[in-house]
């Protein structure tokens, strides 16, 4: 299976200090003590039986600069599944630095691009363990992670491998040979097929040009999100998590309209407002330039099943109203912004730049994407992504899934990413940062929890 233009872009975006892998921390609780080695063996066995996890990336000579998924020449689960144990006393506070250190290094090139880390040692709770999954963004996006990693859990079978509706395009000589094998009766249909393909490519190119033009118009100087930070960042990561009651947030939505996502964005804006006033200069809270977020959007077709491999993304840009002191005013501003984005649609506007990347030839990505990547800071300051999680009881080795913390990567030029998901009436929020540029994200987690409480109290009043 060939990688799309956007998939190749994620390969080209990767830098030693900006690895392009997604993460998910899953915490399980069993009715009895669990041996982490047994869980690791179980995961290794199931991973080996999941076709998407046994493939690696290979470059193609046609199209030049392209790549495709092929069965790995060397596949050993020992290269992908690892065990870790928290040191005594095994407190929850010890988990964050371990997750941050595991998320920091890039995945090894040449191997299937994923890892699983089984973490144990949660104090006296020998029946509790966690699994940190790392998957390269070229392999899938956030919406595809449950489709690929789901078979690692109990009772879920791997998706059948779909064959493409038409064979991938070959070399020019290959096309000539393919044409020569058809009778003259087939030629008119072949001409119509090629004409349709050319029309599609022209339409995509036109759409990409429109998106690129909108992105250029939306560019502005980077917002001074972290005025106390210096330098260009480094490999160290800081990570924090928090949990919010979904029913409480739904009550706010029912009173004041919008969606649950609108409420969560306003809560995050309130947390960022408080956090920035602590770690930086309060003058930034009155800056005329808004703090802008990129919100990825899954554009998979809803009326048919698509392969889990690859990225199917667009997105929106949303100004976060951190200058508003009133929680309800922040919610109204977010609601107005998201309604405007929905009216525009995910196929246009500056936030749809992933669709433009989809239309760029692979060779152009190889040459230009590493150079243009830092310019992302001209478009947005923080990525906030919502990851889907099946809202059903899930288990691994008989242990029940309790917590799900998705982890979004840091793109070049970015210092902070926030990922959230809702599972079993709890909203799980995960914050990853460049530790040199945006330290103390545990304080951001605390500030976000306080902002959720303040919004709920204001909505009741």
Protein backbone atom coordinates (compact mmCIF):
# COMPACT_ATOMS: atom_id res chain seq x y z
CA UNK A 1 0.00 0.00 0.00
CA UNK A 2 1.36 3.38 -1.02
CA UNK A 3 1.72 6.23 1.45
CA UNK A 4 -0.28 9.33 0.60
CA UNK A 5 1.23 12.78 0.27
CA UNK A 6 0.21 13.61 3.84
CA UNK A 7 1.71 10.34 5.14
CA UNK A 8 5.01 11.18 3.43
CA UNK A 9 4.81 14.68 4.89
CA UNK A 10 4.82 13.23 8.42
CA UNK A 11 7.97 11.28 7.57
CA UNK A 12 9.59 14.47 6.30
CA UNK A 13 8.47 16.53 9.30
CA UNK A 14 10.35 14.34 11.76
CA UNK A 15 13.46 15.77 13.39
CA UNK A 16 15.62 14.35 16.20
CA UNK A 17 13.97 16.77 18.64
CA UNK A 18 10.53 16.61 17.00
CA UNK A 19 9.54 12.94 16.58
CA UNK A 20 6.27 12.49 14.72
CA UNK A 21 4.63 9.70 16.68
CA UNK A 22 1.28 9.55 18.43
CA UNK A 23 0.93 8.12 21.90
CA UNK A 24 -1.72 6.64 24.16
CA UNK A 25 -1.35 5.69 27.81
CA UNK A 26 -3.84 3.00 28.85
CA UNK A 27 -4.18 2.12 32.53
CA UNK A 28 -5.65 -1.26 33.50
CA UNK A 29 -6.83 -2.82 36.74
CA UNK A 30 -7.17 -6.58 37.25
CA UNK A 31 -9.01 -8.50 39.98
CA UNK A 32 -5.70 -10.06 41.06
CA UNK A 33 -1.96 -9.44 40.85
CA UNK A 34 -0.63 -9.25 37.29
CA UNK A 35 2.81 -10.22 36.01
CA UNK A 36 3.93 -7.49 33.57
CA UNK A 37 5.99 -10.04 31.62
CA UNK A 38 2.83 -12.00 30.87
CA UNK A 39 1.14 -8.85 29.55
CA UNK A 40 4.20 -8.10 27.40
CA UNK A 41 4.14 -11.61 25.91
CA UNK A 42 0.41 -11.32 25.25
CA UNK A 43 0.86 -7.99 23.49
CA UNK A 44 3.79 -9.31 21.45
CA UNK A 45 1.77 -12.31 20.28
CA UNK A 46 -1.22 -10.21 19.27
CA UNK A 47 0.93 -7.57 17.57
CA UNK A 48 2.60 -10.24 15.44
CA UNK A 49 -0.88 -11.32 14.29
CA UNK A 50 -1.93 -7.76 13.37
CA UNK A 51 -0.94 -7.14 9.72
CA UNK A 52 -0.70 -3.35 10.04
CA UNK A 53 1.95 -3.75 12.76
CA UNK A 54 4.23 -6.03 10.73
CA UNK A 55 4.88 -3.58 7.89
CA UNK A 56 7.70 -1.11 7.43
CA UNK A 57 8.24 1.81 5.06
CA UNK A 58 10.15 1.34 1.81
CA UNK A 59 10.97 4.08 -0.67
CA UNK A 60 9.71 3.87 -4.25
CA UNK A 61 11.51 4.82 -7.44
CA UNK A 62 8.18 5.72 -8.99
CA UNK A 63 6.77 8.09 -8.10
CA UNK A 64 10.16 9.54 -7.12
CA UNK A 65 10.39 10.28 -3.41
CA UNK A 66 7.35 8.16 -2.63
CA UNK A 67 7.02 5.36 -0.09
CA UNK A 68 4.97 2.23 0.42
CA UNK A 69 4.13 -0.22 3.19
CA UNK A 70 5.74 -3.63 2.73
CA UNK A 71 6.16 -6.68 4.99
CA UNK A 72 9.12 -5.98 7.25
CA UNK A 73 12.32 -7.78 6.29
CA UNK A 74 13.13 -8.09 9.95
CA UNK A 75 10.33 -8.32 12.47
CA UNK A 76 10.98 -9.29 16.08
CA UNK A 77 8.58 -8.32 18.82
CA UNK A 78 11.55 -7.77 21.13
CA UNK A 79 12.30 -4.65 19.09
CA UNK A 80 8.85 -3.25 19.90
CA UNK A 81 7.56 -4.47 23.27
CA UNK A 82 9.30 -3.42 26.50
CA UNK A 83 8.66 -3.55 30.25
CA UNK A 84 9.33 -0.86 32.86
CA UNK A 85 8.82 -0.68 36.59
CA UNK A 86 8.31 2.46 38.64
CA UNK A 87 10.83 2.80 41.44
CA UNK A 88 9.61 2.79 45.03
CA UNK A 89 7.23 4.02 46.25
CA UNK A 90 5.57 3.79 42.82
CA UNK A 91 3.41 6.90 43.18
CA UNK A 92 1.28 8.41 40.42
CA UNK A 93 3.65 11.40 40.32
CA UNK A 94 6.45 9.10 39.15
CA UNK A 95 4.50 8.08 36.08
CA UNK A 96 4.62 11.48 34.35
CA UNK A 97 8.42 11.77 33.98
CA UNK A 98 8.63 8.17 32.76
CA UNK A 99 5.97 8.77 30.09
CA UNK A 100 7.71 12.00 29.08
CA UNK A 101 11.07 10.25 28.70
CA UNK A 102 9.54 7.40 26.67
CA UNK A 103 7.74 9.80 24.34
CA UNK A 104 10.90 11.87 23.68
CA UNK A 105 13.02 9.68 21.34
CA UNK A 106 11.98 9.00 17.73
CA UNK A 107 10.99 5.51 16.69
CA UNK A 108 13.84 3.59 15.00
CA UNK A 109 13.87 3.86 11.21
CA UNK A 110 13.80 0.66 9.18
CA UNK A 111 11.47 -1.18 11.60
CA UNK A 112 7.67 -1.22 11.74
CA UNK A 113 7.05 2.20 13.34
CA UNK A 114 5.49 1.39 16.69
CA UNK A 115 6.38 0.46 20.27
CA UNK A 116 4.51 -0.79 23.35
CA UNK A 117 5.79 -0.12 26.87
CA UNK A 118 4.28 -2.08 29.76
CA UNK A 119 4.62 -0.14 33.02
CA UNK A 120 4.17 -1.71 36.47
CA UNK A 121 5.15 -0.92 40.04
CA UNK A 122 2.19 1.20 41.13
CA UNK A 123 2.99 0.96 44.85
CA UNK A 124 1.16 -1.86 46.58
CA UNK A 125 -1.35 -2.14 43.76
CA UNK A 126 0.11 -5.14 41.98
CA UNK A 127 -3.15 -5.56 40.10
CA UNK A 128 -2.60 -2.27 38.22
CA UNK A 129 -0.43 -1.67 35.17
CA UNK A 130 -0.25 0.71 32.21
CA UNK A 131 0.62 0.36 28.54
CA UNK A 132 2.13 3.25 26.60
CA UNK A 133 1.64 2.83 22.85
CA UNK A 134 3.70 4.80 20.32
CA UNK A 135 2.69 4.79 16.63
CA UNK A 136 4.25 6.92 13.93
CA UNK A 137 1.91 9.50 12.40
CA UNK A 138 2.80 8.19 8.94
CA UNK A 139 1.16 4.91 9.98
CA UNK A 140 -2.16 6.43 11.04
CA UNK A 141 -3.87 9.44 12.56
CA UNK A 142 -5.65 9.62 15.91
CA UNK A 143 -8.92 8.28 14.55
CA UNK A 144 -7.12 5.27 13.08
CA UNK A 145 -5.33 4.28 16.29
CA UNK A 146 -8.30 2.32 17.73
CA UNK A 147 -8.62 0.46 14.42
CA UNK A 148 -4.96 -0.58 14.42
CA UNK A 149 -4.33 -1.06 18.16
CA UNK A 150 -7.78 -2.43 18.99
CA UNK A 151 -6.82 -6.06 18.16
CA UNK A 152 -4.24 -5.92 20.97
CA UNK A 153 -7.13 -5.93 23.46
CA UNK A 154 -9.27 -8.89 24.46
CA UNK A 155 -11.95 -10.06 22.05
CA UNK A 156 -11.10 -7.77 19.11
CA UNK A 157 -9.93 -9.27 15.83
CA UNK A 158 -7.72 -7.46 13.29
CA UNK A 159 -9.43 -5.67 10.42
CA UNK A 160 -9.19 -7.52 7.11
CA UNK A 161 -6.62 -6.00 4.80
CA UNK A 162 -8.45 -4.12 2.08
CA UNK A 163 -7.16 -4.33 -1.44
CA UNK A 164 -7.15 -1.06 -3.37
CA UNK A 165 -9.99 -0.71 -5.87
CA UNK A 166 -7.43 -0.11 -8.63
CA UNK A 167 -3.80 -1.17 -8.72
CA UNK A 168 -1.30 1.55 -7.79
CA UNK A 169 0.11 3.56 -10.64
CA UNK A 170 3.31 2.10 -12.06
CA UNK A 171 6.15 3.50 -14.15
CA UNK A 172 5.51 5.04 -17.57
CA UNK A 173 6.85 1.87 -19.22
CA UNK A 174 4.57 -0.16 -17.01
CA UNK A 175 1.58 1.86 -18.13
CA UNK A 176 2.51 1.37 -21.80
CA UNK A 177 2.77 -2.38 -21.23
CA UNK A 178 -0.55 -2.36 -19.37
CA UNK A 179 -2.20 -0.57 -22.28
CA UNK A 180 -0.76 -3.00 -24.79
CA UNK A 181 -2.46 -5.91 -23.04
CA UNK A 182 -5.93 -4.53 -23.73
CA UNK A 183 -7.89 -4.80 -26.93
CA UNK A 184 -8.97 -1.79 -28.93
CA UNK A 185 -12.43 -2.11 -27.39
CA UNK A 186 -10.90 -1.29 -24.00
CA UNK A 187 -9.07 1.83 -25.17
CA UNK A 188 -12.01 4.27 -24.94
CA UNK A 189 -12.71 3.26 -21.34
CA UNK A 190 -9.02 3.54 -20.47
CA UNK A 191 -8.94 7.03 -21.95
CA UNK A 192 -11.99 8.02 -19.92
CA UNK A 193 -10.37 6.58 -16.75
CA UNK A 194 -7.15 8.52 -17.31
CA UNK A 195 -9.09 11.68 -18.12
CA UNK A 196 -11.06 11.27 -14.89
CA UNK A 197 -7.84 10.77 -12.94
CA UNK A 198 -6.34 13.89 -14.50
CA UNK A 199 -9.49 15.87 -13.68
CA UNK A 200 -9.34 14.69 -10.07
CA UNK A 201 -5.71 15.71 -9.77
CA UNK A 202 -6.45 19.13 -11.26
CA UNK A 203 -9.35 19.60 -8.86
CA UNK A 204 -7.14 18.63 -5.92
CA UNK A 205 -4.42 20.97 -7.12
CA UNK A 206 -6.91 23.81 -7.39
CA UNK A 207 -8.23 23.14 -3.91
CA UNK A 208 -4.67 22.94 -2.55
CA UNK A 209 -3.86 26.29 -4.13
CA UNK A 210 -6.92 27.84 -2.51
CA UNK A 211 -5.98 26.43 0.90
CA UNK A 212 -2.39 27.61 0.52
CA UNK A 213 -3.62 31.09 -0.35
CA UNK A 214 -5.87 31.15 2.72
CA UNK A 215 -2.99 29.94 4.90
CA UNK A 216 -0.73 32.72 3.64
CA UNK A 217 -3.44 35.28 4.38
CA UNK A 218 -3.89 33.89 7.91
CA UNK A 219 -0.16 33.90 8.76
CA UNK A 220 0.94 36.27 11.50
CA UNK A 221 3.98 36.67 13.75
CA UNK A 222 4.24 33.85 16.31
CA UNK A 223 2.42 34.62 19.53
CA UNK A 224 4.73 35.00 22.56
CA UNK A 225 3.17 32.04 24.32
CA UNK A 226 6.15 31.37 26.53
CA UNK A 227 7.87 34.73 27.09
CA UNK A 228 10.17 33.34 29.76
CA UNK A 229 11.50 30.58 27.49
CA UNK A 230 14.65 30.92 25.44
CA UNK A 231 16.20 28.99 22.56
CA UNK A 232 14.64 26.75 19.95
CA UNK A 233 13.76 23.81 22.17
CA UNK A 234 15.29 20.44 22.69
CA UNK A 235 14.59 16.73 23.03
CA UNK A 236 13.32 16.75 26.62
CA UNK A 237 9.59 16.40 27.19
CA UNK A 238 7.24 17.35 30.02
CA UNK A 239 3.91 15.53 30.35
CA UNK A 240 0.86 15.88 32.57
CA UNK A 241 -2.66 14.51 32.64
CA UNK A 242 -5.99 15.33 34.24
CA UNK A 243 -9.51 13.95 34.35
CA UNK A 244 -12.78 15.86 34.26
CA UNK A 245 -16.31 14.64 34.90
CA UNK A 246 -18.10 14.51 31.56
CA UNK A 247 -21.59 14.90 33.08
CA UNK A 248 -20.58 18.17 34.74
CA UNK A 249 -19.35 19.55 31.41
CA UNK A 250 -22.51 18.36 29.65
CA UNK A 251 -24.57 20.36 32.14
CA UNK A 252 -22.73 23.49 31.02
CA UNK A 253 -23.45 22.62 27.39
CA UNK A 254 -27.15 22.08 28.10
CA UNK A 255 -27.42 25.48 29.82
CA UNK A 256 -25.44 27.54 27.32
CA UNK A 257 -25.51 25.67 24.01
CA UNK A 258 -22.71 24.57 21.74
CA UNK A 259 -21.07 21.17 21.89
CA UNK A 260 -19.05 19.31 24.49
CA UNK A 261 -15.96 20.18 22.46
CA UNK A 262 -16.83 23.89 22.70
CA UNK A 263 -17.03 23.56 26.48
CA UNK A 264 -13.69 21.74 26.61
CA UNK A 265 -11.98 24.35 24.42
CA UNK A 266 -13.23 27.12 26.70
CA UNK A 267 -11.95 25.18 29.73
CA UNK A 268 -8.53 24.76 28.09
CA UNK A 269 -8.49 28.48 27.22
CA UNK A 270 -9.19 29.28 30.87
CA UNK A 271 -6.40 26.95 31.99
CA UNK A 272 -3.95 28.53 29.54
CA UNK A 273 -4.92 32.01 30.75
CA UNK A 274 -4.15 31.16 34.38
CA UNK A 275 -1.00 29.20 33.54
CA UNK A 276 0.49 31.90 31.33
CA UNK A 277 -0.09 34.50 34.01
CA UNK A 278 2.00 32.38 36.37
CA UNK A 279 4.89 31.25 34.14
CA UNK A 280 5.24 34.41 32.07
CA UNK A 281 4.44 38.07 31.85
CA UNK A 282 0.80 39.00 32.50
CA UNK A 283 1.09 41.58 29.73
CA UNK A 284 0.74 38.78 27.17
CA UNK A 285 -2.86 38.34 28.29
CA UNK A 286 -3.72 41.72 26.79
CA UNK A 287 -1.78 41.22 23.56
CA UNK A 288 -3.69 42.09 20.40
CA UNK A 289 -2.60 38.85 18.74
CA UNK A 290 -4.82 35.92 19.74
CA UNK A 291 -3.49 32.59 20.94
CA UNK A 292 -4.42 30.35 18.04
CA UNK A 293 -5.10 26.61 18.17
CA UNK A 294 -5.09 24.07 15.36
CA UNK A 295 -7.96 21.59 15.70
CA UNK A 296 -7.48 18.45 13.54
CA UNK A 297 -10.64 17.00 11.97
CA UNK A 298 -11.14 13.40 10.83
CA UNK A 299 -12.51 13.40 7.26
CA UNK A 300 -13.01 9.66 6.87
CA UNK A 301 -16.17 8.77 5.04
CA UNK A 302 -18.98 7.92 7.43
CA UNK A 303 -20.85 5.69 4.99
CA UNK A 304 -18.14 3.13 4.34
CA UNK A 305 -15.24 1.48 6.11
CA UNK A 306 -11.82 2.83 5.26
CA UNK A 307 -8.46 1.31 5.95
CA UNK A 308 -6.92 2.20 9.29
CA UNK A 309 -3.58 2.88 7.64
CA UNK A 310 -2.76 6.42 6.62
CA UNK A 311 -4.02 9.87 7.49
CA UNK A 312 -7.45 11.25 6.63
CA UNK A 313 -7.20 14.71 8.12
CA UNK A 314 -8.21 18.29 7.70
CA UNK A 315 -8.56 20.92 10.39
CA UNK A 316 -9.66 24.30 11.66
CA UNK A 317 -7.85 27.26 13.16
CA UNK A 318 -9.49 28.67 16.28
CA UNK A 319 -8.51 31.74 18.29
CA UNK A 320 -8.57 30.95 22.01
CA UNK A 321 -10.06 33.85 24.01
CA UNK A 322 -7.52 33.85 26.84
CA UNK A 323 -7.88 37.60 27.30
CA UNK A 324 -11.47 37.07 28.56
CA UNK A 325 -11.61 36.83 32.34
CA UNK A 326 -15.24 35.66 32.39
CA UNK A 327 -15.60 31.87 31.83
CA UNK A 328 -18.95 32.29 30.07
CA UNK A 329 -17.54 34.97 27.79
CA UNK A 330 -14.80 32.51 26.78
CA UNK A 331 -17.43 29.87 26.04
CA UNK A 332 -19.47 32.27 23.88
CA UNK A 333 -16.37 33.29 21.92
CA UNK A 334 -15.38 29.66 21.34
CA UNK A 335 -18.92 28.75 20.29
CA UNK A 336 -19.02 31.59 17.75
CA UNK A 337 -15.62 30.58 16.34
CA UNK A 338 -16.50 26.89 15.96
CA UNK A 339 -19.86 27.70 14.36
CA UNK A 340 -18.04 29.85 11.81
CA UNK A 341 -15.59 27.00 11.12
CA UNK A 342 -18.40 24.51 10.66
CA UNK A 343 -20.14 26.83 8.23
CA UNK A 344 -16.92 27.07 6.20
CA UNK A 345 -16.40 23.29 6.31
CA UNK A 346 -13.21 21.24 6.70
CA UNK A 347 -12.34 21.32 2.99
CA UNK A 348 -11.46 25.01 2.81
CA UNK A 349 -9.78 27.71 4.84
CA UNK A 350 -6.27 27.94 6.30
CA UNK A 351 -6.84 25.10 8.76
CA UNK A 352 -7.32 22.66 5.88
CA UNK A 353 -3.59 22.64 5.13
CA UNK A 354 -3.41 18.82 5.67
CA UNK A 355 -5.60 18.48 2.57
CA UNK A 356 -3.19 20.69 0.67
CA UNK A 357 -0.31 18.48 1.85
CA UNK A 358 -2.24 15.47 0.53
CA UNK A 359 -2.10 16.90 -3.00
CA UNK A 360 1.64 17.71 -2.96
CA UNK A 361 3.86 15.17 -4.81
CA UNK A 362 6.07 13.03 -2.59
CA UNK A 363 9.30 14.37 -4.09
CA UNK A 364 8.26 17.95 -3.27
CA UNK A 365 7.64 16.86 0.34
CA UNK A 366 11.12 15.36 0.49
CA UNK A 367 12.69 18.60 -0.71
CA UNK A 368 10.51 21.31 0.82
CA UNK A 369 8.67 20.03 3.90
CA UNK A 370 11.74 19.97 6.21
CA UNK A 371 12.46 23.57 5.22
CA UNK A 372 8.89 24.84 5.57
CA UNK A 373 7.98 22.91 8.74
CA UNK A 374 9.00 25.62 11.26
CA UNK A 375 6.59 28.02 9.53
CA UNK A 376 3.73 26.23 11.31
CA UNK A 377 4.20 28.68 14.17
CA UNK A 378 3.01 31.43 11.81
CA UNK A 379 -0.36 29.68 11.59
CA UNK A 380 -0.98 28.31 15.08
CA UNK A 381 0.54 28.23 18.57
CA UNK A 382 -0.84 25.02 20.06
CA UNK A 383 -2.52 21.88 18.72
CA UNK A 384 -5.63 20.61 20.49
CA UNK A 385 -6.87 17.30 19.19
CA UNK A 386 -9.80 15.08 20.15
CA UNK A 387 -9.12 11.35 19.86
CA UNK A 388 -12.02 8.90 19.59
CA UNK A 389 -12.23 6.05 22.09
CA UNK A 390 -14.91 3.31 21.90
CA UNK A 391 -17.21 3.95 24.84
CA UNK A 392 -17.52 0.25 25.76
CA UNK A 393 -15.82 -1.80 28.49
CA UNK A 394 -12.40 -2.93 27.24
CA UNK A 395 -9.94 -5.41 28.72
CA UNK A 396 -6.39 -6.65 28.27
CA UNK A 397 -5.46 -10.04 29.68
CA UNK A 398 -8.58 -9.96 31.86
CA UNK A 399 -7.71 -6.54 33.31
CA UNK A 400 -10.24 -3.73 32.87
CA UNK A 401 -9.32 -0.50 31.11
CA UNK A 402 -9.73 2.42 33.53
CA UNK A 403 -7.97 5.41 31.96
CA UNK A 404 -7.18 6.46 28.40
CA UNK A 405 -4.74 9.32 27.84
CA UNK A 406 -4.07 10.16 24.17
CA UNK A 407 -0.80 12.00 23.51
CA UNK A 408 -0.34 14.27 20.49
CA UNK A 409 3.09 14.93 18.96
CA UNK A 410 4.90 18.27 18.88
CA UNK A 411 5.28 19.61 15.36
CA UNK A 412 8.37 21.63 14.41
CA UNK A 413 8.01 25.15 15.75
CA UNK A 414 5.56 24.04 18.45
CA UNK A 415 6.13 23.79 22.18
CA UNK A 416 2.79 22.46 23.42
CA UNK A 417 0.17 19.93 22.33
CA UNK A 418 -3.05 18.93 24.09
CA UNK A 419 -5.04 15.77 23.40
CA UNK A 420 -8.35 14.75 24.92
CA UNK A 421 -10.83 11.91 24.77
CA UNK A 422 -13.99 10.83 26.57
CA UNK A 423 -14.19 7.32 27.99
CA UNK A 424 -16.76 5.95 30.44
CA UNK A 425 -18.13 9.38 31.51
CA UNK A 426 -14.67 10.83 32.09
CA UNK A 427 -12.86 13.36 29.92
CA UNK A 428 -9.15 12.54 29.85
CA UNK A 429 -6.83 15.42 28.96
CA UNK A 430 -3.15 14.91 28.19
CA UNK A 431 -0.59 17.72 27.85
CA UNK A 432 2.82 17.25 26.20
CA UNK A 433 5.40 20.03 25.98
CA UNK A 434 8.98 20.79 25.09
CA UNK A 435 10.48 20.93 28.58
CA UNK A 436 12.93 23.66 27.54
CA UNK A 437 10.26 25.94 26.07
CA UNK A 438 7.14 25.21 28.13
CA UNK A 439 8.00 23.68 31.50
CA UNK A 440 5.71 22.96 34.45
CA UNK A 441 2.74 21.62 32.50
CA UNK A 442 1.58 20.00 35.73
CA UNK A 443 0.59 23.54 36.72
CA UNK A 444 -1.29 23.87 33.43
CA UNK A 445 -3.18 20.67 34.28
CA UNK A 446 -4.11 22.09 37.70
CA UNK A 447 -5.15 25.42 36.13
CA UNK A 448 -7.33 23.60 33.58
CA UNK A 449 -9.10 21.66 36.33
CA UNK A 450 -9.73 24.95 38.18
CA UNK A 451 -11.07 26.51 34.96
CA UNK A 452 -13.54 23.64 34.58
CA UNK A 453 -14.82 24.26 38.10
CA UNK A 454 -15.09 28.00 37.52
CA UNK A 455 -17.05 27.50 34.29
CA UNK A 456 -19.46 25.11 35.97
CA UNK A 457 -20.04 27.51 38.88
CA UNK A 458 -20.58 30.45 36.50
CA UNK A 459 -23.03 28.46 34.39
CA UNK A 460 -25.11 27.61 37.46
CA UNK A 461 -25.14 31.21 38.63
